[in-house]
């Protein structure tokens, strides 16, 4: 995902934003996967803490990625002209 000229984002929020803002469908799969992993890792880190506003934001972000993944699959189905629903990116 990262190149020599672009440093790799560190936090889940930045990875999530990159996935949401990417306009090239060909680049979306790895961005969604990176953001998803970062969010799940952060959820794991917060499990021993009381429910927080961050955990709610994490849940909202996962829902956003799920919607984005569904949209990408829909675009791919339309581009392929077969009407099939791809279940998994990548």
N, C-alpha and C. Protein backbone atom coordinates (compact mmCIF):
# COMPACT_ATOMS: atom_id res chain seq x y z
N UNK A 1 0.81 -1.18 0.00
CA UNK A 1 0.00 0.00 0.00
C UNK A 1 0.86 1.24 0.00
N UNK A 2 1.91 1.30 0.75
CA UNK A 2 2.71 2.51 0.82
C UNK A 2 3.80 2.49 -0.23
N UNK A 3 4.23 3.68 -0.58
CA UNK A 3 5.32 3.82 -1.53
C UNK A 3 6.45 4.56 -0.85
N UNK A 4 7.56 4.70 -1.53
CA UNK A 4 8.68 5.42 -0.94
C UNK A 4 8.34 6.88 -0.67
N UNK A 5 7.47 7.47 -1.47
CA UNK A 5 7.14 8.88 -1.30
C UNK A 5 6.00 9.12 -0.31
N UNK A 6 5.24 8.08 0.03
CA UNK A 6 4.11 8.24 0.93
C UNK A 6 4.33 7.37 2.16
N UNK A 7 4.44 7.98 3.34
CA UNK A 7 4.63 7.16 4.55
C UNK A 7 3.37 6.36 4.86
N UNK A 8 3.55 5.19 5.42
CA UNK A 8 2.42 4.33 5.77
C UNK A 8 1.66 4.97 6.93
N UNK A 9 0.33 5.08 6.80
CA UNK A 9 -0.46 5.66 7.89
C UNK A 9 -0.39 4.78 9.13
N UNK A 10 -0.43 5.39 10.28
CA UNK A 10 -0.26 4.64 11.52
C UNK A 10 -1.57 4.24 12.19
N UNK A 11 -2.54 5.11 12.22
CA UNK A 11 -3.74 4.83 12.99
C UNK A 11 -4.91 4.34 12.16
N UNK A 12 -5.84 3.70 12.85
CA UNK A 12 -7.01 3.17 12.17
C UNK A 12 -7.82 4.26 11.52
N UNK A 13 -7.86 5.44 12.13
CA UNK A 13 -8.66 6.53 11.57
C UNK A 13 -8.12 6.96 10.21
N UNK A 14 -6.81 7.06 10.10
CA UNK A 14 -6.22 7.45 8.83
C UNK A 14 -6.42 6.38 7.77
N UNK A 15 -6.26 5.12 8.15
CA UNK A 15 -6.48 4.03 7.20
C UNK A 15 -7.94 4.00 6.74
N UNK A 16 -8.84 4.21 7.65
CA UNK A 16 -10.27 4.24 7.33
C UNK A 16 -10.57 5.40 6.37
N UNK A 17 -10.03 6.57 6.67
CA UNK A 17 -10.25 7.74 5.81
C UNK A 17 -9.70 7.49 4.40
N UNK A 18 -8.52 6.89 4.32
CA UNK A 18 -7.95 6.59 3.00
C UNK A 18 -8.86 5.68 2.19
N UNK A 19 -9.41 4.66 2.85
CA UNK A 19 -10.32 3.75 2.14
C UNK A 19 -11.57 4.49 1.67
N UNK A 20 -12.11 5.33 2.51
CA UNK A 20 -13.33 6.05 2.15
C UNK A 20 -13.11 7.06 1.03
N UNK A 21 -11.92 7.64 1.00
CA UNK A 21 -11.66 8.71 0.03
C UNK A 21 -11.06 8.23 -1.28
N UNK A 22 -10.66 6.96 -1.35
CA UNK A 22 -10.05 6.45 -2.58
C UNK A 22 -11.09 6.42 -3.70
N UNK A 23 -10.71 6.95 -4.86
CA UNK A 23 -11.64 6.98 -5.99
C UNK A 23 -11.31 5.93 -7.05
N UNK A 24 -10.18 5.26 -6.92
CA UNK A 24 -9.79 4.23 -7.89
C UNK A 24 -10.23 2.86 -7.38
N UNK A 25 -11.26 2.27 -7.98
CA UNK A 25 -11.75 0.97 -7.52
C UNK A 25 -10.65 -0.11 -7.46
N UNK A 26 -9.67 -0.01 -8.33
CA UNK A 26 -8.59 -1.01 -8.34
C UNK A 26 -7.74 -0.96 -7.08
N UNK A 27 -7.73 0.17 -6.40
CA UNK A 27 -6.92 0.34 -5.19
C UNK A 27 -7.71 0.09 -3.91
N UNK A 28 -9.01 -0.08 -4.01
CA UNK A 28 -9.85 -0.15 -2.82
C UNK A 28 -9.67 -1.43 -2.00
N UNK A 29 -9.51 -2.57 -2.63
CA UNK A 29 -9.43 -3.83 -1.87
C UNK A 29 -8.35 -3.81 -0.80
N UNK A 30 -7.10 -3.47 -1.13
CA UNK A 30 -6.09 -3.47 -0.07
C UNK A 30 -6.33 -2.37 0.97
N UNK A 31 -6.88 -1.25 0.56
CA UNK A 31 -7.15 -0.18 1.53
C UNK A 31 -8.24 -0.60 2.51
N UNK A 32 -9.28 -1.24 2.00
CA UNK A 32 -10.34 -1.74 2.87
C UNK A 32 -9.78 -2.79 3.82
N UNK A 33 -8.98 -3.70 3.31
CA UNK A 33 -8.40 -4.76 4.14
C UNK A 33 -7.50 -4.17 5.24
N UNK A 34 -6.67 -3.20 4.87
CA UNK A 34 -5.79 -2.57 5.87
C UNK A 34 -6.59 -1.86 6.95
N UNK A 35 -7.60 -1.11 6.55
CA UNK A 35 -8.43 -0.39 7.52
C UNK A 35 -9.18 -1.37 8.41
N UNK A 36 -9.72 -2.41 7.83
CA UNK A 36 -10.46 -3.42 8.60
C UNK A 36 -9.57 -4.06 9.65
N UNK A 37 -8.37 -4.45 9.26
CA UNK A 37 -7.44 -5.06 10.22
C UNK A 37 -7.07 -4.09 11.34
N UNK A 38 -6.79 -2.84 10.97
CA UNK A 38 -6.42 -1.84 11.97
C UNK A 38 -7.55 -1.60 12.97
N UNK A 39 -8.78 -1.57 12.48
CA UNK A 39 -9.93 -1.36 13.35
C UNK A 39 -10.11 -2.55 14.28
N UNK A 40 -10.01 -3.76 13.74
CA UNK A 40 -10.14 -4.96 14.60
C UNK A 40 -9.03 -5.02 15.63
N UNK A 41 -7.81 -4.65 15.23
CA UNK A 41 -6.69 -4.62 16.18
C UNK A 41 -6.97 -3.64 17.31
N UNK A 42 -7.50 -2.48 16.95
CA UNK A 42 -7.79 -1.46 17.97
C UNK A 42 -8.93 -1.92 18.88
N UNK A 43 -9.93 -2.58 18.33
CA UNK A 43 -11.01 -3.12 19.16
C UNK A 43 -10.43 -4.12 20.16
N UNK A 44 -9.54 -4.97 19.69
CA UNK A 44 -8.90 -5.95 20.57
C UNK A 44 -8.17 -5.24 21.72
N UNK A 45 -7.49 -4.15 21.40
CA UNK A 45 -6.76 -3.39 22.43
C UNK A 45 -7.69 -2.78 23.47
N UNK A 46 -8.91 -2.44 23.07
CA UNK A 46 -9.83 -1.74 23.98
C UNK A 46 -10.79 -2.66 24.71
N UNK A 47 -10.71 -3.96 24.48
CA UNK A 47 -11.67 -4.88 25.09
C UNK A 47 -11.63 -4.88 26.61
N UNK A 48 -10.49 -4.63 27.20
CA UNK A 48 -10.38 -4.66 28.66
C UNK A 48 -10.78 -3.33 29.30
N UNK A 49 -11.10 -2.35 28.48
CA UNK A 49 -11.49 -1.03 28.99
C UNK A 49 -13.00 -0.91 28.96
N UNK A 50 -13.55 0.00 29.78
CA UNK A 50 -15.00 0.21 29.72
C UNK A 50 -15.41 0.71 28.33
N UNK A 51 -16.68 0.51 27.99
CA UNK A 51 -17.19 0.96 26.70
C UNK A 51 -16.92 2.46 26.59
N UNK A 52 -16.42 2.85 25.45
CA UNK A 52 -16.03 4.24 25.27
C UNK A 52 -16.58 4.79 23.96
N UNK A 53 -16.44 6.10 23.81
CA UNK A 53 -16.85 6.74 22.56
C UNK A 53 -16.00 6.21 21.41
N UNK A 54 -14.73 5.89 21.68
CA UNK A 54 -13.88 5.36 20.61
C UNK A 54 -14.42 4.02 20.12
N UNK A 55 -14.87 3.18 21.02
CA UNK A 55 -15.40 1.88 20.60
C UNK A 55 -16.63 2.08 19.70
N UNK A 56 -17.43 3.08 20.00
CA UNK A 56 -18.58 3.38 19.15
C UNK A 56 -18.11 3.85 17.76
N UNK A 57 -17.07 4.68 17.72
CA UNK A 57 -16.51 5.13 16.44
C UNK A 57 -15.93 3.95 15.66
N UNK A 58 -15.30 3.01 16.37
CA UNK A 58 -14.76 1.82 15.72
C UNK A 58 -15.89 0.99 15.09
N UNK A 59 -16.97 0.83 15.82
CA UNK A 59 -18.11 0.08 15.29
C UNK A 59 -18.69 0.79 14.07
N UNK A 60 -18.82 2.10 14.15
CA UNK A 60 -19.32 2.87 13.00
C UNK A 60 -18.40 2.71 11.80
N UNK A 61 -17.09 2.71 12.03
CA UNK A 61 -16.12 2.57 10.95
C UNK A 61 -16.24 1.19 10.30
N UNK A 62 -16.40 0.14 11.11
CA UNK A 62 -16.58 -1.20 10.53
C UNK A 62 -17.84 -1.26 9.67
N UNK A 63 -18.90 -0.63 10.12
CA UNK A 63 -20.13 -0.58 9.32
C UNK A 63 -19.90 0.19 8.03
N UNK A 64 -19.13 1.27 8.09
CA UNK A 64 -18.81 2.02 6.89
C UNK A 64 -18.02 1.21 5.90
N UNK A 65 -17.04 0.45 6.39
CA UNK A 65 -16.25 -0.41 5.51
C UNK A 65 -17.11 -1.51 4.89
N UNK A 66 -18.04 -2.04 5.66
CA UNK A 66 -18.94 -3.06 5.14
C UNK A 66 -19.76 -2.49 3.98
N UNK A 67 -20.25 -1.29 4.14
CA UNK A 67 -21.01 -0.63 3.08
C UNK A 67 -20.14 -0.38 1.87
N UNK A 68 -18.92 0.12 2.10
CA UNK A 68 -18.00 0.38 0.99
C UNK A 68 -17.66 -0.91 0.25
N UNK A 69 -17.40 -1.99 0.98
CA UNK A 69 -17.11 -3.28 0.35
C UNK A 69 -18.29 -3.74 -0.51
N UNK A 70 -19.49 -3.54 0.00
CA UNK A 70 -20.69 -3.91 -0.76
C UNK A 70 -20.77 -3.09 -2.05
N UNK A 71 -20.49 -1.81 -1.97
CA UNK A 71 -20.53 -0.95 -3.15
C UNK A 71 -19.48 -1.37 -4.17
N UNK A 72 -18.28 -1.66 -3.72
CA UNK A 72 -17.21 -2.10 -4.63
C UNK A 72 -17.63 -3.39 -5.32
N UNK A 73 -18.20 -4.31 -4.57
CA UNK A 73 -18.67 -5.56 -5.17
C UNK A 73 -19.75 -5.30 -6.22
N UNK A 74 -20.62 -4.36 -5.94
CA UNK A 74 -21.67 -4.00 -6.89
C UNK A 74 -21.07 -3.41 -8.16
N UNK A 75 -20.07 -2.53 -8.01
CA UNK A 75 -19.40 -1.94 -9.18
C UNK A 75 -18.75 -3.03 -10.01
N UNK A 76 -18.10 -3.96 -9.33
CA UNK A 76 -17.42 -5.05 -10.05
C UNK A 76 -18.41 -5.92 -10.81
N UNK A 77 -19.54 -6.21 -10.18
CA UNK A 77 -20.55 -7.01 -10.85
C UNK A 77 -21.07 -6.32 -12.09
N UNK A 78 -21.31 -5.03 -11.98
CA UNK A 78 -21.79 -4.26 -13.13
C UNK A 78 -20.72 -4.19 -14.22
N UNK A 79 -19.46 -4.01 -13.81
CA UNK A 79 -18.35 -3.94 -14.77
C UNK A 79 -18.17 -5.26 -15.50
N UNK A 80 -18.40 -6.37 -14.80
CA UNK A 80 -18.27 -7.70 -15.40
C UNK A 80 -19.48 -8.04 -16.25
N UNK A 81 -20.57 -7.32 -16.05
CA UNK A 81 -21.77 -7.55 -16.83
C UNK A 81 -22.48 -8.84 -16.54
N UNK A 82 -22.08 -9.52 -15.46
CA UNK A 82 -22.68 -10.81 -15.18
C UNK A 82 -23.75 -10.74 -14.09
N UNK A 83 -23.82 -9.62 -13.41
CA UNK A 83 -24.84 -9.46 -12.37
C UNK A 83 -24.57 -10.28 -11.13
N UNK A 84 -23.45 -10.98 -11.08
CA UNK A 84 -23.17 -11.79 -9.90
C UNK A 84 -22.70 -10.89 -8.76
N UNK A 85 -22.88 -11.33 -7.55
CA UNK A 85 -22.48 -10.59 -6.35
C UNK A 85 -21.20 -11.21 -5.81
N UNK A 86 -20.09 -10.49 -5.92
CA UNK A 86 -18.85 -10.98 -5.36
C UNK A 86 -18.90 -10.83 -3.85
N UNK A 87 -18.60 -11.85 -3.13
CA UNK A 87 -18.72 -11.81 -1.68
C UNK A 87 -17.48 -11.29 -0.96
N UNK A 88 -16.34 -11.41 -1.57
CA UNK A 88 -15.12 -11.02 -0.87
C UNK A 88 -14.20 -10.28 -1.83
N UNK A 89 -13.63 -9.20 -1.35
CA UNK A 89 -12.66 -8.45 -2.16
C UNK A 89 -11.30 -9.10 -2.04
N UNK A 90 -10.48 -8.86 -3.05
CA UNK A 90 -9.08 -9.29 -2.96
C UNK A 90 -8.86 -10.59 -3.51
